Protein backbone atom coordinates (compact mmCIF):
# COMPACT_ATOMS: atom_id res chain seq x y z
CA UNK A 1 -9.40 16.90 -9.87
CA UNK A 2 -7.66 13.56 -10.53
CA UNK A 3 -5.01 12.23 -8.15
CA UNK A 4 -1.68 11.29 -9.67
CA UNK A 5 0.47 8.57 -8.21
CA UNK A 6 4.22 9.07 -7.77
CA UNK A 7 6.49 6.20 -6.77
CA UNK A 8 10.07 6.29 -5.49
CA UNK A 9 12.25 3.45 -4.22
CA UNK A 10 15.68 3.27 -2.65
CA UNK A 11 17.82 0.15 -2.38
CA UNK A 12 19.16 -0.62 1.12
CA UNK A 13 22.73 -1.40 0.13
CA UNK A 14 24.66 0.98 2.40
CA UNK A 15 24.62 3.93 4.76
CA UNK A 16 22.95 7.12 3.42
CA UNK A 17 25.42 9.92 2.74
CA UNK A 18 25.23 13.63 2.00
CA UNK A 19 24.91 12.95 -1.73
CA UNK A 20 21.82 10.79 -1.13
CA UNK A 21 20.33 13.52 1.04
CA UNK A 22 20.85 16.36 -1.43
CA UNK A 23 20.05 14.36 -4.58
CA UNK A 24 17.17 12.16 -3.38
CA UNK A 25 15.95 12.34 0.20
CA UNK A 26 15.53 16.10 0.61
CA UNK A 27 13.75 16.73 -2.74
CA UNK A 28 11.60 13.62 -2.36
CA UNK A 29 10.42 14.62 1.09
CA UNK A 30 9.54 18.05 -0.31
CA UNK A 31 7.67 16.40 -3.18
CA UNK A 32 5.64 14.28 -0.76
CA UNK A 33 3.97 17.44 0.54
CA UNK A 34 2.30 18.23 -2.79
CA UNK A 35 -1.48 18.21 -2.96
CA UNK A 36 -3.47 16.03 -5.39
CA UNK A 37 -0.62 13.50 -5.44
CA UNK A 38 -0.58 10.07 -3.86
CA UNK A 39 3.04 9.21 -3.10
CA UNK A 40 4.57 5.77 -2.65
CA UNK A 41 8.01 5.43 -1.02
CA UNK A 42 9.54 2.02 -0.52
CA UNK A 43 12.69 0.26 0.61
CA UNK A 44 13.66 -1.98 -2.34
CA UNK A 45 15.14 -4.80 -0.27
CA UNK A 46 14.52 -7.45 -2.94
CA UNK A 47 16.70 -5.39 -5.26
CA UNK A 48 19.41 -5.29 -2.59
CA UNK A 49 19.84 -9.07 -2.89
CA UNK A 50 21.33 -8.53 -6.34
CA UNK A 51 24.05 -6.22 -5.00
CA UNK A 52 24.68 -7.25 -1.39
CA UNK A 53 25.58 -10.71 -0.11
CA UNK A 54 25.86 -9.73 3.57
CA UNK A 55 22.46 -10.22 5.29
CA UNK A 56 23.47 -8.07 8.27
CA UNK A 57 24.35 -5.20 5.95
CA UNK A 58 20.93 -5.33 4.27
CA UNK A 59 19.21 -5.34 7.65
CA UNK A 60 21.31 -2.45 8.98
CA UNK A 61 20.95 -0.45 5.77
CA UNK A 62 17.16 -0.88 5.81
CA UNK A 63 17.08 0.49 9.34
CA UNK A 64 19.41 3.40 8.53
CA UNK A 65 17.62 4.42 5.34
CA UNK A 66 14.15 4.21 6.88
CA UNK A 67 15.31 6.25 9.87
CA UNK A 68 16.91 8.79 7.52
CA UNK A 69 13.73 9.34 5.49
CA UNK A 70 11.60 9.65 8.59
CA UNK A 71 14.06 11.96 10.38
CA UNK A 72 14.18 14.19 7.29
CA UNK A 73 10.44 14.73 7.43
CA UNK A 74 8.71 11.97 5.45
CA UNK A 75 5.28 11.63 7.04
CA UNK A 76 4.09 7.99 6.92
CA UNK A 77 0.52 9.18 7.53
CA UNK A 78 0.54 11.24 4.32
CA UNK A 79 2.29 8.74 2.03
CA UNK A 80 2.44 4.98 1.52
CA UNK A 81 5.82 4.10 3.07
CA UNK A 82 6.58 0.39 2.92
CA UNK A 83 9.20 -2.30 2.61
CA UNK A 84 9.12 -4.11 -0.73
CA UNK A 85 9.40 -7.57 0.83
CA UNK A 86 6.27 -6.90 2.92
CA UNK A 87 4.12 -6.93 -0.24
CA UNK A 88 4.13 -10.52 -1.59
CA UNK A 89 2.01 -9.50 -4.56
CA UNK A 90 5.05 -7.76 -6.08
CA UNK A 91 7.09 -10.93 -6.81
CA UNK A 92 3.91 -12.62 -8.06
CA UNK A 93 3.35 -9.77 -10.50
CA UNK A 94 7.01 -10.05 -11.51
CA UNK A 95 6.29 -13.57 -12.76
CA UNK A 96 3.18 -12.45 -14.63
CA UNK A 97 5.15 -9.72 -16.38
CA UNK A 98 8.07 -12.02 -17.18
CA UNK A 99 5.61 -14.20 -19.11
CA UNK A 100 4.63 -11.37 -21.47
CA UNK A 101 7.99 -9.62 -21.93
CA UNK A 102 10.35 -10.72 -24.69
CA UNK A 103 13.80 -11.89 -23.58
CA UNK A 104 15.33 -9.66 -26.23
CA UNK A 105 14.16 -6.60 -24.31
CA UNK A 106 16.13 -7.72 -21.25
CA UNK A 107 19.16 -8.48 -23.40
CA UNK A 108 19.37 -4.75 -24.05
CA UNK A 109 19.17 -3.70 -20.38
CA UNK A 110 22.09 -1.44 -19.47
CA UNK A 111 23.26 -3.34 -16.37
CA UNK A 112 23.18 -6.70 -18.13
CA UNK A 113 24.92 -5.36 -21.24
CA UNK A 114 27.62 -3.78 -19.07
CA UNK A 115 28.26 -7.11 -17.34
CA UNK A 116 28.42 -8.94 -20.68
CA UNK A 117 30.74 -6.32 -22.17
CA UNK A 118 33.05 -6.55 -19.15
CA UNK A 119 33.22 -10.34 -19.43
CA UNK A 120 33.78 -10.20 -23.17
CA UNK A 121 36.64 -7.72 -22.73
CA UNK A 122 38.20 -10.10 -20.21
CA UNK A 123 37.83 -13.04 -22.64
CA UNK A 124 35.37 -14.76 -20.29
CA UNK A 125 32.04 -16.40 -20.96
CA UNK A 126 29.63 -13.49 -21.64
CA UNK A 127 27.36 -14.58 -18.79
CA UNK A 128 30.08 -15.39 -16.26
CA UNK A 129 28.90 -14.46 -12.75
CA UNK A 130 25.73 -12.89 -14.14
CA UNK A 131 22.83 -13.92 -11.91
CA UNK A 132 19.28 -14.38 -13.12
CA UNK A 133 18.42 -11.70 -10.57
CA UNK A 134 20.59 -9.15 -12.39
CA UNK A 135 19.04 -10.16 -15.71
CA UNK A 136 15.50 -9.96 -14.32
CA UNK A 137 16.06 -6.73 -12.37
CA UNK A 138 14.03 -4.59 -14.85
CA UNK A 139 11.02 -6.90 -14.52
CA UNK A 140 11.00 -6.60 -10.74
CA UNK A 141 11.28 -2.83 -11.13
CA UNK A 142 8.39 -2.96 -13.59
CA UNK A 143 6.31 -4.84 -11.02
CA UNK A 144 7.16 -2.23 -8.37
CA UNK A 145 5.76 0.46 -10.65
CA UNK A 146 2.80 -1.33 -12.24
CA UNK A 147 1.52 -2.88 -9.01
CA UNK A 148 0.38 0.58 -7.97
CA UNK A 149 -0.22 1.95 -11.49
CA UNK A 150 2.13 4.84 -10.80
CA UNK A 151 1.71 7.71 -13.23
CA UNK A 152 5.09 9.31 -12.57
CA UNK A 153 8.39 7.75 -11.51
CA UNK A 154 11.15 10.26 -10.71
CA UNK A 155 14.41 8.97 -12.21
CA UNK A 156 17.69 10.16 -13.59
CA UNK A 157 18.39 9.69 -17.29
CA UNK A 158 20.30 6.47 -16.63
CA UNK A 159 17.06 4.90 -15.33
CA UNK A 160 14.74 5.97 -18.16
CA UNK A 161 15.25 2.65 -19.94
CA UNK A 162 13.61 0.82 -17.02
CA UNK A 163 10.52 3.01 -17.28
CA UNK A 164 10.34 2.31 -21.01
CA UNK A 165 10.53 -1.41 -20.26
CA UNK A 166 7.72 -1.07 -17.71
CA UNK A 167 5.65 0.59 -20.44
CA UNK A 168 6.40 -2.36 -22.75
CA UNK A 169 5.27 -4.79 -20.05
CA UNK A 170 2.07 -2.83 -19.47
CA UNK A 171 1.27 -2.68 -23.18
CA UNK A 172 1.97 -6.37 -23.74
CA UNK A 173 -0.12 -7.47 -20.77
CA UNK A 174 -2.97 -5.12 -21.67
CA UNK A 175 -3.01 -6.41 -25.23
CA UNK A 176 -3.33 -10.02 -24.08
CA UNK A 177 -5.65 -9.63 -21.12
CA UNK A 178 -7.40 -6.28 -21.38
CA UNK A 179 -6.70 -2.81 -19.97
CA UNK A 180 -5.30 -3.29 -16.46
CA UNK A 181 -2.18 -1.14 -16.37
CA UNK A 182 -1.47 2.54 -16.85
CA UNK A 183 1.65 3.28 -18.89
CA UNK A 184 4.00 5.04 -16.44
CA UNK A 185 5.94 8.16 -17.33
CA UNK A 186 9.53 8.92 -16.37
CA UNK A 187 9.70 12.16 -14.40
CA UNK A 188 13.25 12.93 -15.49
CA UNK A 189 15.19 14.74 -12.82
CA UNK A 190 17.29 17.01 -15.01
CA UNK A 191 18.66 19.08 -12.15
CA UNK A 192 19.39 16.41 -9.59
CA UNK A 193 22.09 17.75 -7.33
CA UNK A 194 25.19 15.58 -7.25
CA UNK A 195 27.85 16.15 -4.64
CA UNK A 196 31.56 15.54 -4.95
CA UNK A 197 33.11 13.27 -2.36
CA UNK A 198 36.18 13.63 -0.19
CA UNK A 199 38.50 13.09 -3.17
CA UNK A 200 36.63 15.36 -5.62
CA UNK A 201 34.98 12.55 -7.56
CA UNK A 202 31.23 11.99 -7.36
CA UNK A 203 30.26 11.00 -3.83
CA UNK A 204 29.67 7.26 -4.05
CA UNK A 205 30.00 4.17 -1.90
CA UNK A 206 31.89 2.52 -4.75
CA UNK A 207 34.62 5.19 -4.46
CA UNK A 208 34.71 5.01 -0.65
CA UNK A 209 34.65 8.81 -0.55
CA UNK A 210 31.33 9.49 1.19
CA UNK A 211 30.31 11.60 4.16
CA UNK A 212 27.64 9.65 6.07
CA UNK A 213 24.49 11.73 6.40
CA UNK A 214 24.18 11.35 10.14
CA UNK A 215 27.79 11.28 11.25
CA UNK A 216 28.33 12.67 14.73
CA UNK A 217 29.20 16.35 14.87
CA UNK A 218 32.81 15.43 15.60
CA UNK A 219 33.03 12.92 12.75
CA UNK A 220 31.36 15.34 10.32
CA UNK A 221 33.95 18.00 11.15
CA UNK A 222 36.79 15.51 10.74
CA UNK A 223 35.54 14.32 7.34
CA UNK A 224 34.98 17.82 5.98
CA UNK A 225 38.49 18.74 7.12
CA UNK A 226 39.81 15.88 4.99
CA UNK A 227 38.22 17.11 1.73
CA UNK A 228 40.93 17.46 -0.91
CA UNK A 229 41.87 21.05 -1.79
CA UNK A 230 44.73 22.63 -3.72
CA UNK A 231 47.95 23.94 -2.19
CA UNK A 232 47.17 27.66 -2.33
CA UNK A 233 48.21 29.45 0.85
CA UNK A 234 46.10 31.85 2.96
CA UNK A 235 45.80 35.17 1.18
CA UNK A 236 46.07 33.67 -2.31
CA UNK A 237 42.88 33.98 -4.40
CA UNK A 238 41.13 30.65 -4.88
CA UNK A 239 38.75 29.54 -7.60
CA UNK A 240 35.35 27.99 -7.00
CA UNK A 241 35.42 26.08 -10.29
CA UNK A 242 36.16 22.44 -9.54
CA UNK A 243 36.22 23.04 -5.79
CA UNK A 244 34.52 20.11 -4.05
CA UNK A 245 34.35 22.13 -0.85
CA UNK A 246 32.48 24.97 -2.54
CA UNK A 247 30.06 22.64 -4.34
CA UNK A 248 29.14 20.89 -1.09
CA UNK A 249 28.57 24.23 0.64
CA UNK A 250 26.43 25.46 -2.25
CA UNK A 251 24.07 22.48 -1.83
CA UNK A 252 23.23 23.60 1.71
CA UNK A 253 23.61 27.38 1.64
CA UNK A 254 21.33 30.16 0.46
CA UNK A 255 22.26 32.16 -2.62
CA UNK A 256 23.54 35.06 -0.49
CA UNK A 257 25.63 32.71 1.65
CA UNK A 258 27.04 31.14 -1.50
CA UNK A 259 27.93 34.57 -2.88
CA UNK A 260 29.72 35.42 0.36
CA UNK A 261 31.85 32.29 0.19
CA UNK A 262 32.61 32.94 -3.48
CA UNK A 263 33.91 36.36 -2.48
CA UNK A 264 35.89 34.85 0.39
CA UNK A 265 37.54 32.50 -2.13
CA UNK A 266 38.51 35.48 -4.25
CA UNK A 267 39.86 37.25 -1.15
CA UNK A 268 42.11 34.29 -0.32
CA UNK A 269 40.33 32.62 2.60
CA UNK A 270 42.48 29.94 4.26
CA UNK A 271 41.37 26.41 3.51
CA UNK A 272 41.05 25.63 7.20
CA UNK A 273 38.68 28.57 7.69
CA UNK A 274 36.68 27.63 4.60
CA UNK A 275 36.28 24.04 5.81
CA UNK A 276 35.11 25.26 9.22
CA UNK A 277 32.54 27.49 7.51
CA UNK A 278 31.28 24.57 5.41
CA UNK A 279 31.10 22.31 8.46
CA UNK A 280 29.10 24.82 10.51
CA UNK A 281 26.60 25.42 7.68
CA UNK A 282 25.96 21.71 7.08
CA UNK A 283 25.72 20.94 10.79
CA UNK A 284 23.21 23.78 11.19
CA UNK A 285 20.82 21.92 8.88
CA UNK A 286 21.55 18.39 10.03
CA UNK A 287 21.82 18.78 13.81
CA UNK A 288 18.05 18.74 14.52
CA UNK A 289 17.57 15.90 12.04
CA UNK A 290 20.43 13.96 13.61
CA UNK A 291 18.66 13.90 16.97
CA UNK A 292 15.48 12.49 15.37
CA UNK A 293 17.53 9.95 13.44
CA UNK A 294 19.33 8.69 16.52
CA UNK A 295 16.05 8.28 18.39
CA UNK A 296 14.67 6.17 15.53
CA UNK A 297 17.84 4.08 15.23
CA UNK A 298 17.59 3.32 18.94
CA UNK A 299 13.98 2.21 18.57
CA UNK A 300 13.77 -0.18 15.58
CA UNK A 301 10.42 -1.40 16.86
CA UNK A 302 8.97 2.00 16.01
CA UNK A 303 10.16 1.67 12.42
CA UNK A 304 8.78 -1.87 12.20
CA UNK A 305 5.42 -0.54 13.34
CA UNK A 306 5.55 2.16 10.65
CA UNK A 307 6.42 -0.47 8.03
CA UNK A 308 3.47 -2.59 9.22
CA UNK A 309 1.10 0.35 8.69
CA UNK A 310 2.67 1.01 5.29
CA UNK A 311 2.37 -2.64 4.25
CA UNK A 312 -1.31 -2.66 5.20
CA UNK A 313 -1.91 0.45 3.09
CA UNK A 314 0.07 -0.97 0.16
CA UNK A 315 -1.64 -4.36 0.30
CA UNK A 316 -5.08 -2.75 0.51
CA UNK A 317 -4.32 -1.75 -3.09
CA UNK A 318 -2.17 -4.69 -4.20
CA UNK A 319 -4.25 -7.63 -2.94
CA UNK A 320 -7.52 -6.87 -4.78
CA UNK A 321 -5.59 -5.73 -7.85
CA UNK A 322 -3.63 -8.98 -7.91
CA UNK A 323 -6.90 -10.92 -7.60
CA UNK A 324 -8.15 -9.04 -10.65
CA UNK A 325 -4.96 -9.90 -12.58
CA UNK A 326 -5.08 -13.55 -11.53
CA UNK A 327 -8.62 -13.78 -12.89
CA UNK A 328 -7.59 -12.02 -16.09
CA UNK A 329 -4.86 -14.57 -16.89
CA UNK A 330 -7.07 -17.57 -16.05
CA UNK A 331 -5.96 -18.43 -12.50
CA UNK A 332 -9.54 -18.77 -11.29
CA UNK A 333 -11.87 -20.70 -9.05
CA UNK A 334 -12.90 -23.65 -11.19
CA UNK A 335 -16.49 -23.35 -10.03
CA UNK A 336 -16.80 -19.89 -11.54
CA UNK A 337 -17.50 -19.84 -15.26
CA UNK A 338 -16.64 -16.77 -17.28
CA UNK A 339 -19.15 -16.74 -20.11
CA UNK A 340 -17.17 -14.23 -22.07
CA UNK A 341 -14.06 -16.40 -22.00
CA UNK A 342 -15.88 -19.41 -23.45
CA UNK A 343 -16.65 -17.61 -26.65
CA UNK A 344 -14.08 -16.83 -29.26
CA UNK A 345 -14.10 -13.10 -29.78
CA UNK A 346 -12.38 -11.31 -32.56
CA UNK A 347 -10.46 -8.36 -31.23
CA UNK A 348 -10.25 -5.24 -33.32
CA UNK A 349 -6.70 -4.45 -34.40
CA UNK A 350 -4.84 -1.43 -35.69
CA UNK A 351 -4.51 -1.42 -39.45
CA UNK A 352 -2.12 -0.13 -42.12
CA UNK A 353 -3.97 1.22 -45.15
CA UNK A 354 -2.05 1.61 -48.41
CA UNK A 355 -3.49 3.63 -51.27
CA UNK A 356 -2.63 5.50 -54.47
CA UNK A 357 -3.57 9.13 -54.99
CA UNK A 358 -4.43 10.92 -58.22
CA UNK A 359 -0.82 12.11 -58.50
CA UNK A 360 0.22 8.51 -59.12
CA UNK A 361 2.19 8.33 -55.88
CA UNK A 362 1.73 5.70 -53.20
CA UNK A 363 0.87 6.46 -49.55
CA UNK A 364 -0.02 4.64 -46.36
CA UNK A 365 -1.45 5.47 -42.96
CA UNK A 366 -1.85 3.63 -39.69
CA UNK A 367 -5.13 3.71 -37.81
CA UNK A 368 -5.73 2.47 -34.26
CA UNK A 369 -8.29 -0.22 -33.48
CA UNK A 370 -10.88 2.49 -32.82
CA UNK A 371 -10.13 4.33 -36.08
CA UNK A 372 -7.84 7.08 -34.78
CA UNK A 373 -5.18 8.20 -37.29
CA UNK A 374 -1.76 7.50 -35.73
CA UNK A 375 0.64 8.29 -38.56
CA UNK A 376 0.62 9.34 -42.19
CA UNK A 377 3.25 8.74 -44.84
CA UNK A 378 4.56 11.07 -47.51
CA UNK A 379 4.53 10.05 -51.18
CA UNK A 380 6.42 6.95 -52.39
CA UNK A 381 7.25 6.25 -56.01
CA UNK A 382 6.33 2.57 -55.74
CA UNK A 383 4.20 0.36 -53.51
CA UNK A 384 7.28 -1.80 -52.85
CA UNK A 385 9.18 1.06 -51.18
CA UNK A 386 6.09 1.99 -49.19
CA UNK A 387 5.80 -1.62 -48.08
CA UNK A 388 9.42 -1.63 -46.96
CA UNK A 389 8.71 1.41 -44.76
CA UNK A 390 5.72 -0.38 -43.25
CA UNK A 391 7.87 -3.46 -42.59
CA UNK A 392 10.44 -1.31 -40.76
CA UNK A 393 7.75 0.11 -38.53
CA UNK A 394 6.28 -3.31 -37.83
CA UNK A 395 9.63 -4.83 -36.82
CA UNK A 396 11.33 -1.88 -35.11
CA UNK A 397 8.39 0.00 -33.64
CA UNK A 398 8.62 3.73 -32.95
CA UNK A 399 12.43 3.57 -33.11
CA UNK A 400 12.09 3.28 -36.91
CA UNK A 401 10.76 6.86 -37.06
CA UNK A 402 14.30 8.23 -36.93
CA UNK A 403 15.25 6.34 -40.11
CA UNK A 404 11.98 7.34 -41.79
CA UNK A 405 12.26 11.05 -40.95
CA UNK A 406 10.56 13.08 -43.66
CA UNK A 407 8.79 10.00 -45.01
CA UNK A 408 6.44 9.31 -42.11
CA UNK A 409 4.72 11.83 -39.83
CA UNK A 410 3.42 10.93 -36.38
CA UNK A 411 0.18 12.73 -35.65
CA UNK A 412 0.43 15.53 -33.07
CA UNK A 413 -2.02 13.77 -30.74
CA UNK A 414 -0.14 10.46 -30.93
CA UNK A 415 2.71 9.52 -28.59
CA UNK A 416 5.50 7.12 -29.50
CA UNK A 417 4.29 4.85 -26.69
CA UNK A 418 0.82 4.73 -28.29
CA UNK A 419 2.40 3.93 -31.65
CA UNK A 420 4.51 1.16 -30.08
CA UNK A 421 1.42 -0.34 -28.46
CA UNK A 422 -0.43 -0.43 -31.81
CA UNK A 423 2.53 -1.99 -33.62
CA UNK A 424 3.00 -4.52 -30.82
CA UNK A 425 -0.65 -5.55 -31.20
CA UNK A 426 -0.07 -6.18 -34.91
CA UNK A 427 3.10 -8.22 -34.30
CA UNK A 428 1.43 -10.38 -31.68
CA UNK A 429 -1.63 -10.96 -33.84
CA UNK A 430 0.65 -12.05 -36.66
CA UNK A 431 2.56 -14.40 -34.39
CA UNK A 432 -0.66 -15.94 -33.05
CA UNK A 433 -1.91 -16.42 -36.61
CA UNK A 434 1.28 -18.27 -37.58
CA UNK A 435 1.06 -20.48 -34.50
CA UNK A 436 -2.42 -21.72 -35.38
């Protein structure tokens, strides 16, 4: 049975809070226990440099997040748990990928577009205060993923674009230098639990409404007591809809416990009593983890030792793979001659085939380099219109399928990513031909 690789990263930009625990840490630790899966968990400290300018904060956050994952049950002996900056092959791969990815792809990245839109709305230069790091962020993320040829990357829908970009990078590199990368898949987390914060909005550092994951018992009780509720008095029925207190409790409680609190709301439980109930239930789960966390925080040398083991495991994969990639692109020992590279070889390419049937109508199909049928057109009244459809596919890739609905059919065994790779190969071959 084949082993799949899953990869998850977290940026050390702040102190972990209950929302991080419920939405990321707890489910990821559970996922790490699966069989026939090789899991990679890393602290994305290079990414933190884009968001955080305080070096002490990055250092402290790295310690807190690592301690949180370990205290919550992540077993560094069963997974590859490492710090991004301990694997120098990752930034080297970032450069390799930046040399095969079109700038236009990065122009469409959500974070960059948001920054440009904000500047434009403020009548500023579109790139005002936009760092190259922010612009290149998706390439570094692509290197994180492709360095270990991860099959699955758990992400929310707002991160799917980055996985698609990583697929583009893999396809472009593979087309130029041979098959080295696996196209990663986004494991979309449709049911990621999100917690409301103290003010009812989503719990987020940017809103300053978080409950730190490993607050002391006293601080946890104080924060939960400050959660915003309505003004209904004891004895008045209360509704669970829109209740931040109830949603937080639900993320920790069993279904029967949740039903009991729902009934207590209907019976008019006092807010003070409800908050005490929520506090006790959360503390019940976190108290044993808090003790482990504090022991780790007080012994950073232990975490450094764990990172050292993780870096060795990560580099045992990354170093030979990077040597393979360096050779592929031509960064080689000058004494070693690659006979294959000294001969011009003609690479097979996908091909569009246009033809006319007995009904007088015009059709086309696209075949892969090895002859597999990728897509088939319906009938066109003229070869010119059929050619226009082909041109749309060649310039827009799989995204053109939406405009050609009913006119072009993707084969059931063909994915849009496979189609994009074939069309990319044709575009690049055309560009190379023009350059000669």
